[in-house]
C-alpha atoms as a PDB file:
ATOM      1  CA  MET A   1      64.138 -51.605  34.052  1.00  0.00           C
ATOM      2  CA  ILE A   2      67.825 -52.218  34.777  1.00  0.00           C
ATOM      3  CA  SER A   3      69.811 -49.314  36.219  1.00  0.00           C
ATOM      4  CA  TYR A   4      73.195 -48.543  34.697  1.00  0.00           C
ATOM      5  CA  TYR A   5      75.437 -45.816  33.404  1.00  0.00           C
ATOM      6  CA  VAL A   6      77.487 -45.597  30.240  1.00  0.00           C
ATOM      7  CA  HIS A   7      81.041 -44.331  29.982  1.00  0.00           C
ATOM      8  CA  SER A   8      82.042 -43.346  26.474  1.00  0.00           C
ATOM      9  CA  GLN A   9      85.525 -43.093  24.996  1.00  0.00           C
ATOM     10  CA  LYS A  10      85.335 -39.305  25.096  1.00  0.00           C
ATOM     11  CA  GLY A  11      84.901 -39.269  28.843  1.00  0.00           C
ATOM     12  CA  LEU A  12      81.193 -38.540  28.751  1.00  0.00           C
ATOM     13  CA  PHE A  13      79.167 -40.063  31.563  1.00  0.00           C
ATOM     14  CA  VAL A  14      75.515 -40.686  30.789  1.00  0.00           C
ATOM     15  CA  PHE A  15      73.175 -41.795  33.573  1.00  0.00           C
ATOM     16  CA  ILE A  16      70.211 -43.601  32.077  1.00  0.00           C
ATOM     17  CA  VAL A  17      66.760 -44.314  33.583  1.00  0.00           C
ATOM     18  CA  LEU A  18      67.827 -45.038  37.125  1.00  0.00           C
ATOM     19  CA  TYR A  19      64.820 -46.218  39.079  1.00  0.00           C
ATOM     20  CA  ALA A  20      64.517 -46.212  42.840  1.00  0.00           C
ATOM     21  CA  TYR A  21      65.062 -48.887  45.455  1.00  0.00           C
ATOM     22  CA  LEU A  22      62.264 -50.509  47.370  1.00  0.00           C
ATOM     23  CA  LYS A  23      62.189 -53.225  49.981  1.00  0.00           C
ATOM     24  CA  GLY A  24      60.205 -56.328  49.062  1.00  0.00           C
ATOM     25  CA  TYR A  25      58.341 -56.782  45.770  1.00  0.00           C
ATOM     26  CA  SER A  26      58.534 -53.794  43.464  1.00  0.00           C
ATOM     27  CA  LEU A  27      58.020 -53.193  39.746  1.00  0.00           C
ATOM     28  CA  GLN A  28      61.306 -51.818  38.480  1.00  0.00           C
ATOM     29  CA  GLU A  29      63.634 -54.438  37.003  1.00  0.00           C
ATOM     30  CA  VAL A  30      63.576 -57.749  35.142  1.00  0.00           C
ATOM     31  CA  GLU A  31      64.669 -59.513  38.325  1.00  0.00           C
ATOM     32  CA  ASP A  32      61.564 -58.153  40.071  1.00  0.00           C
ATOM     33  CA  ALA A  33      59.306 -59.723  37.438  1.00  0.00           C
ATOM     34  CA  LEU A  34      60.977 -63.118  37.880  1.00  0.00           C
ATOM     35  CA  ARG A  35      60.736 -62.920  41.673  1.00  0.00           C
ATOM     36  CA  ILE A  36      57.068 -61.953  41.508  1.00  0.00           C
ATOM     37  CA  ARG A  37      56.263 -64.794  39.103  1.00  0.00           C
ATOM     38  CA  ARG A  38      58.006 -67.315  41.367  1.00  0.00           C
ATOM     39  CA  SER A  39      56.187 -65.921  44.396  1.00  0.00           C
ATOM     40  CA  ILE A  40      52.761 -66.207  42.718  1.00  0.00           C
ATOM     41  CA  ILE A  41      53.416 -69.836  41.839  1.00  0.00           C
ATOM     42  CA  ASP A  42      54.701 -70.455  45.362  1.00  0.00           C
ATOM     43  CA  CYS A  43      51.446 -69.039  46.788  1.00  0.00           C
ATOM     44  CA  PHE A  44      49.432 -71.508  44.736  1.00  0.00           C
ATOM     45  CA  GLU A  45      51.721 -74.362  45.773  1.00  0.00           C
ATOM     46  CA  ARG A  46      51.274 -73.546  49.465  1.00  0.00           C
ATOM     47  CA  ALA A  47      47.521 -73.097  49.114  1.00  0.00           C
ATOM     48  CA  SER A  48      47.204 -76.498  47.431  1.00  0.00           C
ATOM     49  CA  LEU A  49      48.453 -78.385  50.496  1.00  0.00           C
ATOM     50  CA  LEU A  50      45.782 -80.514  52.159  1.00  0.00           C
ATOM     51  CA  SER A  51      46.698 -79.223  55.611  1.00  0.00           C
ATOM     52  CA  VAL A  52      45.849 -75.596  54.717  1.00  0.00           C
ATOM     53  CA  SER A  53      42.469 -74.337  55.979  1.00  0.00           C
ATOM     54  CA  GLU A  54      39.874 -72.485  53.890  1.00  0.00           C
ATOM     55  CA  ASP A  55      40.630 -69.141  55.551  1.00  0.00           C
ATOM     56  CA  GLU A  56      44.374 -69.620  55.090  1.00  0.00           C
ATOM     57  CA  LYS A  57      43.892 -70.410  51.393  1.00  0.00           C
ATOM     58  CA  LYS A  58      41.990 -67.142  50.980  1.00  0.00           C
ATOM     59  CA  ARG A  59      44.805 -65.230  52.698  1.00  0.00           C
ATOM     60  CA  ILE A  60      47.604 -66.896  50.718  1.00  0.00           C
ATOM     61  CA  LEU A  61      45.818 -66.285  47.402  1.00  0.00           C
ATOM     62  CA  HIS A  62      44.984 -62.666  48.194  1.00  0.00           C
ATOM     63  CA  PHE A  63      47.266 -60.472  46.056  1.00  0.00           C
ATOM     64  CA  VAL A  64      47.505 -56.781  46.944  1.00  0.00           C
ATOM     65  CA  VAL A  65      48.839 -54.090  44.602  1.00  0.00           C
ATOM     66  CA  VAL A  66      49.636 -50.729  46.214  1.00  0.00           C
ATOM     67  CA  GLY A  67      49.343 -47.785  43.835  1.00  0.00           C
ATOM     68  CA  GLY A  68      46.592 -46.979  41.343  1.00  0.00           C
ATOM     69  CA  GLY A  69      48.758 -45.310  38.720  1.00  0.00           C
ATOM     70  CA  PRO A  70      49.516 -46.771  35.260  1.00  0.00           C
ATOM     71  CA  THR A  71      52.117 -49.205  36.657  1.00  0.00           C
ATOM     72  CA  GLY A  72      49.879 -50.556  39.404  1.00  0.00           C
ATOM     73  CA  VAL A  73      46.877 -50.814  37.090  1.00  0.00           C
ATOM     74  CA  GLU A  74      48.815 -52.652  34.391  1.00  0.00           C
ATOM     75  CA  PHE A  75      50.272 -55.080  36.913  1.00  0.00           C
ATOM     76  CA  ALA A  76      46.847 -55.709  38.473  1.00  0.00           C
ATOM     77  CA  VAL A  77      45.361 -56.758  35.124  1.00  0.00           C
ATOM     78  CA  GLU A  78      48.350 -58.982  34.315  1.00  0.00           C
ATOM     79  CA  LEU A  79      48.096 -60.489  37.785  1.00  0.00           C
ATOM     80  CA  HIS A  80      44.408 -61.151  37.130  1.00  0.00           C
ATOM     81  CA  ASP A  81      45.077 -62.869  33.784  1.00  0.00           C
ATOM     82  CA  PHE A  82      47.978 -65.073  34.965  1.00  0.00           C
ATOM     83  CA  PRO A  83      46.065 -67.139  37.569  1.00  0.00           C
ATOM     84  CA  HIS A  84      42.730 -67.174  35.722  1.00  0.00           C
ATOM     85  CA  GLU A  85      44.135 -68.080  32.307  1.00  0.00           C
ATOM     86  CA  ASP A  86      47.275 -70.103  33.082  1.00  0.00           C
ATOM     87  CA  LEU A  87      47.511 -71.315  36.674  1.00  0.00           C
ATOM     88  CA  VAL A  88      43.867 -72.408  36.744  1.00  0.00           C
ATOM     89  CA  LYS A  89      44.881 -75.282  34.457  1.00  0.00           C
ATOM     90  CA  LEU A  90      47.294 -76.556  37.118  1.00  0.00           C
ATOM     91  CA  TYR A  91      45.246 -75.592  40.184  1.00  0.00           C
ATOM     92  CA  PRO A  92      41.563 -75.701  39.096  1.00  0.00           C
ATOM     93  CA  ASP A  93      40.296 -76.035  42.687  1.00  0.00           C
ATOM     94  CA  LEU A  94      41.984 -72.797  43.806  1.00  0.00           C
ATOM     95  CA  GLU A  95      40.462 -70.304  41.370  1.00  0.00           C
ATOM     96  CA  GLU A  96      37.563 -69.528  43.711  1.00  0.00           C
ATOM     97  CA  TYR A  97      39.979 -68.513  46.489  1.00  0.00           C
ATOM     98  CA  THR A  98      42.007 -66.088  44.333  1.00  0.00           C
ATOM     99  CA  THR A  99      41.376 -62.377  44.896  1.00  0.00           C
ATOM    100  CA  ILE A 100      43.178 -59.216  43.806  1.00  0.00           C
ATOM    101  CA  THR A 101      42.955 -55.851  45.561  1.00  0.00           C
ATOM    102  CA  LEU A 102      44.258 -52.580  44.131  1.00  0.00           C
ATOM    103  CA  LEU A 103      44.897 -49.896  46.765  1.00  0.00           C
ATOM    104  CA  GLU A 104      44.932 -46.196  45.920  1.00  0.00           C
ATOM    105  CA  ALA A 105      45.263 -43.314  48.387  1.00  0.00           C
ATOM    106  CA  GLY A 106      43.449 -40.900  46.081  1.00  0.00           C
ATOM    107  CA  ASP A 107      39.818 -40.793  45.053  1.00  0.00           C
ATOM    108  CA  HIS A 108      40.309 -42.685  41.783  1.00  0.00           C
ATOM    109  CA  ILE A 109      42.790 -44.894  39.965  1.00  0.00           C
ATOM    110  CA  LEU A 110      44.553 -43.468  36.892  1.00  0.00           C
ATOM    111  CA  SER A 111      43.933 -39.975  38.249  1.00  0.00           C
ATOM    112  CA  MET A 112      46.315 -38.452  35.668  1.00  0.00           C
ATOM    113  CA  PHE A 113      43.988 -39.589  32.870  1.00  0.00           C
ATOM    114  CA  ASP A 114      40.702 -38.145  31.639  1.00  0.00           C
ATOM    115  CA  LYS A 115      37.763 -38.874  33.956  1.00  0.00           C
ATOM    116  CA  ARG A 116      36.127 -40.919  31.199  1.00  0.00           C
ATOM    117  CA  ILE A 117      39.082 -43.303  31.253  1.00  0.00           C
ATOM    118  CA  THR A 118      39.116 -43.452  35.039  1.00  0.00           C
ATOM    119  CA  ASP A 119      35.421 -44.366  35.162  1.00  0.00           C
ATOM    120  CA  PHE A 120      35.823 -46.945  32.393  1.00  0.00           C
ATOM    121  CA  ALA A 121      38.793 -48.598  34.133  1.00  0.00           C
ATOM    122  CA  GLU A 122      37.063 -48.772  37.520  1.00  0.00           C
ATOM    123  CA  GLU A 123      33.925 -50.246  35.975  1.00  0.00           C
ATOM    124  CA  LYS A 124      35.934 -52.835  34.027  1.00  0.00           C
ATOM    125  CA  PHE A 125      37.869 -53.852  37.146  1.00  0.00           C
ATOM    126  CA  LYS A 126      34.556 -54.291  38.944  1.00  0.00           C
ATOM    127  CA  ARG A 127      33.336 -56.624  36.188  1.00  0.00           C
ATOM    128  CA  ASP A 128      36.617 -58.560  36.216  1.00  0.00           C
ATOM    129  CA  GLY A 129      36.479 -59.062  39.975  1.00  0.00           C
ATOM    130  CA  ILE A 130      39.472 -56.861  40.819  1.00  0.00           C
ATOM    131  CA  ASN A 131      38.734 -55.040  44.082  1.00  0.00           C
ATOM    132  CA  VAL A 132      39.573 -51.332  43.815  1.00  0.00           C
ATOM    133  CA  LYS A 133      39.939 -49.676  47.213  1.00  0.00           C
ATOM    134  CA  THR A 134      40.420 -45.895  47.011  1.00  0.00           C
ATOM    135  CA  GLY A 135      40.963 -43.401  49.818  1.00  0.00           C
ATOM    136  CA  SER A 136      43.127 -45.907  51.707  1.00  0.00           C
ATOM    137  CA  THR A 137      46.660 -45.118  52.854  1.00  0.00           C
ATOM    138  CA  VAL A 138      49.107 -47.886  53.723  1.00  0.00           C
ATOM    139  CA  VAL A 139      50.674 -47.266  57.144  1.00  0.00           C
ATOM    140  CA  LYS A 140      52.287 -50.627  57.851  1.00  0.00           C
ATOM    141  CA  VAL A 141      53.100 -53.920  56.127  1.00  0.00           C
ATOM    142  CA  SER A 142      53.658 -57.004  58.300  1.00  0.00           C
ATOM    143  CA  ASN A 143      54.341 -60.597  57.307  1.00  0.00           C
ATOM    144  CA  LYS A 144      50.710 -61.567  56.802  1.00  0.00           C
ATOM    145  CA  SER A 145      48.665 -58.350  56.749  1.00  0.00           C
ATOM    146  CA  ILE A 146      48.781 -54.784  55.530  1.00  0.00           C
ATOM    147  CA  SER A 147      47.477 -51.956  57.741  1.00  0.00           C
ATOM    148  CA  LEU A 148      45.343 -49.256  56.103  1.00  0.00           C
ATOM    149  CA  LYS A 149      44.013 -45.921  57.223  1.00  0.00           C
ATOM    150  CA  GLU A 150      40.710 -44.840  55.729  1.00  0.00           C
ATOM    151  CA  ARG A 151      40.991 -41.207  54.732  1.00  0.00           C
ATOM    152  CA  SER A 152      37.294 -40.433  55.128  1.00  0.00           C
ATOM    153  CA  THR A 153      36.875 -41.855  58.647  1.00  0.00           C
ATOM    154  CA  GLY A 154      40.429 -42.160  59.974  1.00  0.00           C
ATOM    155  CA  GLU A 155      39.656 -45.784  60.808  1.00  0.00           C
ATOM    156  CA  MET A 156      42.486 -48.329  60.812  1.00  0.00           C
ATOM    157  CA  LYS A 157      41.996 -51.700  59.098  1.00  0.00           C
ATOM    158  CA  ASP A 158      44.144 -54.811  58.661  1.00  0.00           C
ATOM    159  CA  LEU A 159      43.997 -56.546  55.305  1.00  0.00           C
ATOM    160  CA  PRO A 160      45.379 -60.146  55.235  1.00  0.00           C
ATOM    161  CA  TYR A 161      47.429 -60.969  52.131  1.00  0.00           C
ATOM    162  CA  GLY A 162      49.594 -63.650  50.563  1.00  0.00           C
ATOM    163  CA  MET A 163      51.676 -61.283  48.420  1.00  0.00           C
ATOM    164  CA  VAL A 164      51.876 -57.502  48.246  1.00  0.00           C
ATOM    165  CA  VAL A 165      53.482 -55.533  45.416  1.00  0.00           C
ATOM    166  CA  TRP A 166      54.449 -51.877  45.769  1.00  0.00           C
ATOM    167  CA  SER A 167      54.144 -49.588  42.745  1.00  0.00           C
ATOM    168  CA  THR A 168      54.276 -46.145  44.354  1.00  0.00           C
ATOM    169  CA  GLY A 169      56.335 -44.060  46.776  1.00  0.00           C
ATOM    170  CA  ILE A 170      59.810 -44.852  45.462  1.00  0.00           C
ATOM    171  CA  GLY A 171      63.108 -43.452  46.700  1.00  0.00           C
ATOM    172  CA  THR A 172      66.448 -42.771  45.055  1.00  0.00           C
ATOM    173  CA  ARG A 173      68.919 -45.568  44.404  1.00  0.00           C
ATOM    174  CA  PRO A 174      72.376 -45.312  46.007  1.00  0.00           C
ATOM    175  CA  VAL A 175      74.020 -45.333  42.548  1.00  0.00           C
ATOM    176  CA  VAL A 176      72.245 -42.022  41.868  1.00  0.00           C
ATOM    177  CA  MET A 177      72.380 -40.548  45.371  1.00  0.00           C
ATOM    178  CA  ALA A 178      76.166 -40.952  45.674  1.00  0.00           C
ATOM    179  CA  PRO A 179      77.110 -38.740  42.684  1.00  0.00           C
ATOM    180  CA  ILE A 180      74.411 -36.205  43.617  1.00  0.00           C
ATOM    181  CA  LYS A 181      76.169 -35.624  46.936  1.00  0.00           C
ATOM    182  CA  GLN A 182      79.645 -35.726  45.383  1.00  0.00           C
ATOM    183  CA  ILE A 183      78.868 -32.945  42.918  1.00  0.00           C
ATOM    184  CA  GLY A 184      77.379 -30.746  45.620  1.00  0.00           C
ATOM    185  CA  GLN A 185      73.698 -30.797  44.669  1.00  0.00           C
ATOM    186  CA  GLY A 186      72.706 -31.401  48.296  1.00  0.00           C
ATOM    187  CA  ASN A 187      69.959 -33.777  49.382  1.00  0.00           C
ATOM    188  CA  LYS A 188      68.142 -33.851  46.053  1.00  0.00           C
ATOM    189  CA  ARG A 189      66.216 -36.910  44.895  1.00  0.00           C
ATOM    190  CA  VAL A 190      67.423 -36.538  41.302  1.00  0.00           C
ATOM    191  CA  MET A 191      70.259 -34.865  39.401  1.00  0.00           C
ATOM    192  CA  GLU A 192      69.692 -31.326  38.221  1.00  0.00           C
ATOM    193  CA  THR A 193      70.515 -30.681  34.565  1.00  0.00           C
ATOM    194  CA  ASP A 194      70.246 -27.756  32.161  1.00  0.00           C
ATOM    195  CA  GLU A 195      68.136 -27.756  28.996  1.00  0.00           C
ATOM    196  CA  TRP A 196      70.840 -29.722  27.198  1.00  0.00           C
ATOM    197  CA  LEU A 197      70.648 -32.527  29.835  1.00  0.00           C
ATOM    198  CA  ARG A 198      74.099 -31.629  31.178  1.00  0.00           C
ATOM    199  CA  VAL A 199      74.429 -32.224  34.916  1.00  0.00           C
ATOM    200  CA  GLU A 200      74.736 -28.881  36.691  1.00  0.00           C
ATOM    201  CA  GLY A 201      78.251 -28.136  37.890  1.00  0.00           C
ATOM    202  CA  VAL A 202      79.976 -31.105  36.188  1.00  0.00           C
ATOM    203  CA  PRO A 203      81.444 -30.954  32.675  1.00  0.00           C
ATOM    204  CA  ASN A 204      80.817 -33.803  30.195  1.00  0.00           C
ATOM    205  CA  VAL A 205      78.227 -35.546  32.386  1.00  0.00           C
ATOM    206  CA  TYR A 206      74.668 -36.044  31.137  1.00  0.00           C
ATOM    207  CA  ALA A 207      71.579 -37.457  32.867  1.00  0.00           C
ATOM    208  CA  LEU A 208      68.223 -38.600  31.511  1.00  0.00           C
ATOM    209  CA  GLY A 209      65.165 -40.556  32.535  1.00  0.00           C
ATOM    210  CA  ASP A 210      63.965 -40.913  36.105  1.00  0.00           C
ATOM    211  CA  CYS A 211      67.294 -39.838  37.598  1.00  0.00           C
ATOM    212  CA  ASP A 212      67.202 -36.234  36.374  1.00  0.00           C
ATOM    213  CA  THR A 213      65.203 -33.023  36.456  1.00  0.00           C
ATOM    214  CA  ILE A 214      65.727 -30.153  34.039  1.00  0.00           C
ATOM    215  CA  ASN A 215      66.436 -26.774  35.602  1.00  0.00           C
ATOM    216  CA  GLN A 216      64.871 -24.291  33.239  1.00  0.00           C
ATOM    217  CA  ARG A 217      66.069 -20.741  33.714  1.00  0.00           C
ATOM    218  CA  LYS A 218      63.336 -18.126  33.692  1.00  0.00           C
ATOM    219  CA  VAL A 219      63.465 -15.448  30.995  1.00  0.00           C
ATOM    220  CA  MET A 220      63.466 -12.715  33.650  1.00  0.00           C
ATOM    221  CA  GLU A 221      66.616 -14.173  35.225  1.00  0.00           C
ATOM    222  CA  ASP A 222      68.450 -13.572  31.936  1.00  0.00           C
ATOM    223  CA  ILE A 223      66.715 -10.358  30.981  1.00  0.00           C
ATOM    224  CA  SER A 224      69.793  -8.176  31.558  1.00  0.00           C
ATOM    225  CA  ALA A 225      72.039 -10.477  29.479  1.00  0.00           C
ATOM    226  CA  ILE A 226      69.385 -10.726  26.749  1.00  0.00           C
ATOM    227  CA  PHE A 227      69.091  -6.947  26.607  1.00  0.00           C
ATOM    228  CA  SER A 228      72.876  -6.572  26.337  1.00  0.00           C
ATOM    229  CA  LYS A 229      73.075  -9.080  23.474  1.00  0.00           C
ATOM    230  CA  ALA A 230      70.246  -7.380  21.572  1.00  0.00           C
ATOM    231  CA  ASP A 231      71.567  -3.851  22.163  1.00  0.00           C
ATOM    232  CA  LYS A 232      74.462  -4.168  19.712  1.00  0.00           C
ATOM    233  CA  ASN A 233      75.093  -0.426  19.410  1.00  0.00           C
ATOM    234  CA  LYS A 234      75.024  -0.030  23.238  1.00  0.00           C
ATOM    235  CA  SER A 235      72.460   2.759  23.052  1.00  0.00           C
ATOM    236  CA  GLY A 236      70.564   1.555  26.090  1.00  0.00           C
ATOM    237  CA  LYS A 237      67.407   1.145  23.995  1.00  0.00           C
ATOM    238  CA  LEU A 238      65.953  -1.641  21.838  1.00  0.00           C
ATOM    239  CA  ASN A 239      64.037  -1.201  18.627  1.00  0.00           C
ATOM    240  CA  VAL A 240      61.861  -3.857  16.988  1.00  0.00           C
ATOM    241  CA  GLY A 241      64.699  -5.022  14.763  1.00  0.00           C
ATOM    242  CA  ASP A 242      67.083  -5.536  17.664  1.00  0.00           C
ATOM    243  CA  PHE A 243      64.542  -7.538  19.620  1.00  0.00           C
ATOM    244  CA  ALA A 244      63.533  -9.662  16.600  1.00  0.00           C
ATOM    245  CA  GLU A 245      67.091 -10.972  16.302  1.00  0.00           C
ATOM    246  CA  VAL A 246      67.036 -12.580  19.747  1.00  0.00           C
ATOM    247  CA  ILE A 247      63.369 -13.565  20.146  1.00  0.00           C
ATOM    248  CA  ASN A 248      63.850 -16.933  18.412  1.00  0.00           C
ATOM    249  CA  ASP A 249      66.798 -17.706  20.672  1.00  0.00           C
ATOM    250  CA  ILE A 250      64.659 -16.908  23.721  1.00  0.00           C
ATOM    251  CA  ILE A 251      61.976 -19.315  22.530  1.00  0.00           C
ATOM    252  CA  GLU A 252      64.536 -22.061  21.851  1.00  0.00           C
ATOM    253  CA  ARG A 253      66.143 -21.576  25.235  1.00  0.00           C
ATOM    254  CA  TYR A 254      63.115 -22.348  27.442  1.00  0.00           C
ATOM    255  CA  PRO A 255      61.454 -25.606  26.289  1.00  0.00           C
ATOM    256  CA  GLN A 256      58.967 -27.776  28.150  1.00  0.00           C
ATOM    257  CA  VAL A 257      60.434 -30.359  30.524  1.00  0.00           C
ATOM    258  CA  ALA A 258      59.765 -34.055  29.857  1.00  0.00           C
ATOM    259  CA  ALA A 259      61.098 -37.392  28.785  1.00  0.00           C
ATOM    260  CA  GLN A 260      62.140 -38.007  25.176  1.00  0.00           C
ATOM    261  CA  GLN A 261      65.782 -37.535  26.075  1.00  0.00           C
ATOM    262  CA  GLY A 262      67.634 -40.637  24.925  1.00  0.00           C
ATOM    263  CA  GLU A 263      67.111 -40.022  21.219  1.00  0.00           C
ATOM    264  CA  TYR A 264      68.016 -36.360  21.696  1.00  0.00           C
ATOM    265  CA  LEU A 265      71.370 -37.122  23.358  1.00  0.00           C
ATOM    266  CA  ALA A 266      72.223 -39.816  20.813  1.00  0.00           C
ATOM    267  CA  LYS A 267      71.750 -37.341  17.971  1.00  0.00           C
ATOM    268  CA  CYS A 268      73.834 -34.735  19.793  1.00  0.00           C
ATOM    269  CA  PHE A 269      76.725 -37.140  20.389  1.00  0.00           C
ATOM    270  CA  ASN A 270      76.636 -38.396  16.800  1.00  0.00           C
ATOM    271  CA  ARG A 271      76.776 -34.826  15.460  1.00  0.00           C
ATOM    272  CA  THR A 272      79.282 -33.361  17.924  1.00  0.00           C
ATOM    273  CA  LYS A 273      81.999 -32.534  15.373  1.00  0.00           C
ATOM    274  CA  GLU A 274      79.525 -31.157  12.853  1.00  0.00           C
ATOM    275  CA  CYS A 275      77.853 -28.853  15.392  1.00  0.00           C
ATOM    276  CA  GLU A 276      81.162 -27.689  16.869  1.00  0.00           C
ATOM    277  CA  GLU A 277      82.043 -26.328  13.427  1.00  0.00           C
ATOM    278  CA  ASN A 278      78.529 -25.071  12.659  1.00  0.00           C
ATOM    279  CA  PRO A 279      76.625 -24.410  15.917  1.00  0.00           C
ATOM    280  CA  GLU A 280      72.864 -24.674  15.549  1.00  0.00           C
ATOM    281  CA  GLY A 281      71.759 -23.752  19.069  1.00  0.00           C
ATOM    282  CA  PRO A 282      70.548 -20.414  20.449  1.00  0.00           C
ATOM    283  CA  ILE A 283      72.791 -17.477  21.328  1.00  0.00           C
ATOM    284  CA  ARG A 284      74.781 -17.762  24.577  1.00  0.00           C
ATOM    285  CA  PHE A 285      73.396 -14.801  26.500  1.00  0.00           C
ATOM    286  CA  ARG A 286      76.034 -14.977  29.243  1.00  0.00           C
ATOM    287  CA  ASP A 287      78.928 -15.898  26.921  1.00  0.00           C
ATOM    288  CA  PHE A 288      80.057 -15.556  23.314  1.00  0.00           C
ATOM    289  CA  GLY A 289      78.804 -17.410  20.254  1.00  0.00           C
ATOM    290  CA  ARG A 290      76.073 -19.988  20.071  1.00  0.00           C
ATOM    291  CA  HIS A 291      75.355 -23.272  21.798  1.00  0.00           C
ATOM    292  CA  HIS A 292      76.426 -26.248  19.711  1.00  0.00           C
ATOM    293  CA  PHE A 293      73.002 -27.933  19.871  1.00  0.00           C
ATOM    294  CA  LYS A 294      69.403 -26.908  20.165  1.00  0.00           C
ATOM    295  CA  PRO A 295      68.087 -27.507  23.697  1.00  0.00           C
ATOM    296  CA  PHE A 296      66.007 -30.575  24.475  1.00  0.00           C
ATOM    297  CA  ARG A 297      62.326 -30.108  23.625  1.00  0.00           C
ATOM    298  CA  TYR A 298      59.473 -32.421  24.565  1.00  0.00           C
ATOM    299  CA  LYS A 299      56.665 -33.502  22.271  1.00  0.00           C
ATOM    300  CA  HIS A 300      53.669 -35.010  24.044  1.00  0.00           C
ATOM    301  CA  LEU A 301      52.332 -38.010  22.105  1.00  0.00           C
ATOM    302  CA  GLY A 302      49.663 -39.102  24.563  1.00  0.00           C
ATOM    303  CA  GLN A 303      49.445 -41.867  27.158  1.00  0.00           C
ATOM    304  CA  PHE A 304      48.144 -45.426  27.287  1.00  0.00           C
ATOM    305  CA  ALA A 305      46.981 -47.771  30.028  1.00  0.00           C
ATOM    306  CA  PRO A 306      46.456 -51.529  29.412  1.00  0.00           C
ATOM    307  CA  LEU A 307      43.272 -52.720  31.140  1.00  0.00           C
ATOM    308  CA  GLY A 308      43.415 -56.464  30.437  1.00  0.00           C
ATOM    309  CA  GLY A 309      41.163 -58.644  28.311  1.00  0.00           C
ATOM    310  CA  GLU A 310      42.759 -57.153  25.165  1.00  0.00           C
ATOM    311  CA  GLN A 311      41.404 -53.746  26.132  1.00  0.00           C
ATOM    312  CA  SER A 312      43.238 -50.493  26.816  1.00  0.00           C
ATOM    313  CA  ALA A 313      42.636 -46.795  27.341  1.00  0.00           C
ATOM    314  CA  ALA A 314      44.328 -44.105  25.299  1.00  0.00           C
ATOM    315  CA  GLN A 315      44.435 -40.339  25.748  1.00  0.00           C
ATOM    316  CA  LEU A 316      46.014 -38.357  22.927  1.00  0.00           C
ATOM    317  CA  PRO A 317      46.578 -34.628  22.413  1.00  0.00           C
ATOM    318  CA  GLY A 318      43.498 -32.639  21.491  1.00  0.00           C
ATOM    319  CA  ASP A 319      41.182 -34.238  24.074  1.00  0.00           C
ATOM    320  CA  TRP A 320      41.043 -37.433  22.010  1.00  0.00           C
ATOM    321  CA  VAL A 321      40.083 -40.426  24.173  1.00  0.00           C
ATOM    322  CA  SER A 322      39.688 -44.073  23.181  1.00  0.00           C
ATOM    323  CA  MET A 323      38.748 -47.019  25.396  1.00  0.00           C
ATOM    324  CA  GLY A 324      38.275 -50.740  24.876  1.00  0.00           C
ATOM    325  CA  HIS A 325      39.450 -52.991  22.061  1.00  0.00           C
ATOM    326  CA  SER A 326      40.011 -50.120  19.630  1.00  0.00           C
ATOM    327  CA  ALA A 327      42.502 -48.503  22.022  1.00  0.00           C
ATOM    328  CA  GLN A 328      44.336 -51.829  22.285  1.00  0.00           C
ATOM    329  CA  LEU A 329      45.025 -51.668  18.554  1.00  0.00           C
ATOM    330  CA  LEU A 330      46.650 -48.253  19.046  1.00  0.00           C
ATOM    331  CA  CYS A 331      48.951 -49.714  21.698  1.00  0.00           C
ATOM    332  CA  LEU A 332      50.108 -52.353  19.234  1.00  0.00           C
END
């Protein structure tokens, strides 16, 4: 994913999906994919030399993926398919030396999924010959080996490799960190926004994707302002009718935080003039009138994980789980 920001004619700055920087091979941008592909081919080229020993071939063709989340899992299966389906035609004698190891510090890969999916994925990887090593924390990466610490025993191990790809433990890019400090948000990892995706403390600046976090105010923090708005006759008491007039605005004001933000902002920008004349948002408890737009609200549509061999795992709302070829059809 390429990092960038957009500057519109109205002076609105929109920061979009700004991923983090990592040293070495990472899984963030198109350039990373090209570099990784070239490196894989280079490993096979080096291993094909007659002067290379058996042990060195095994090291060069040992590919390590760090991180057992959806990104690491998807890359591991693609990495498995590329040599065994494509490169084997060019290097048939090297297939037996090719190994893939997926490292995960936790107890299982895809830990954010249902346990049924986790078990299915680990069993499939075992059948495919992808080594899954859980409970192992990476402490050091050198030129030819990666040092691991076993969580259960505390034992240190060195794992020789030809290429290692990192898909976990990312940090903030300078293009995001610089404005965070300039606007006085301290040493945050991401920009803080309100429920309308507006960057806190800066007018006409919006942030979405991995570079932002939504600061949702708690109802109790606004309770005094809410009471004042509802108590129109200033009696110091609220009846059911008074409270009913603001309850919908309270519900609209505190949505769930998540990630379907691009479409939301596009609709807001396209309807700016219309909503300035006819505001559709909730009441401004600490000001007059209404907000121009409804706050951003997230709708969870489920999650997918490709598992290779035209198989996937899908987990949808309502405890609905699908695994195998049928789930692959859902991904399409």
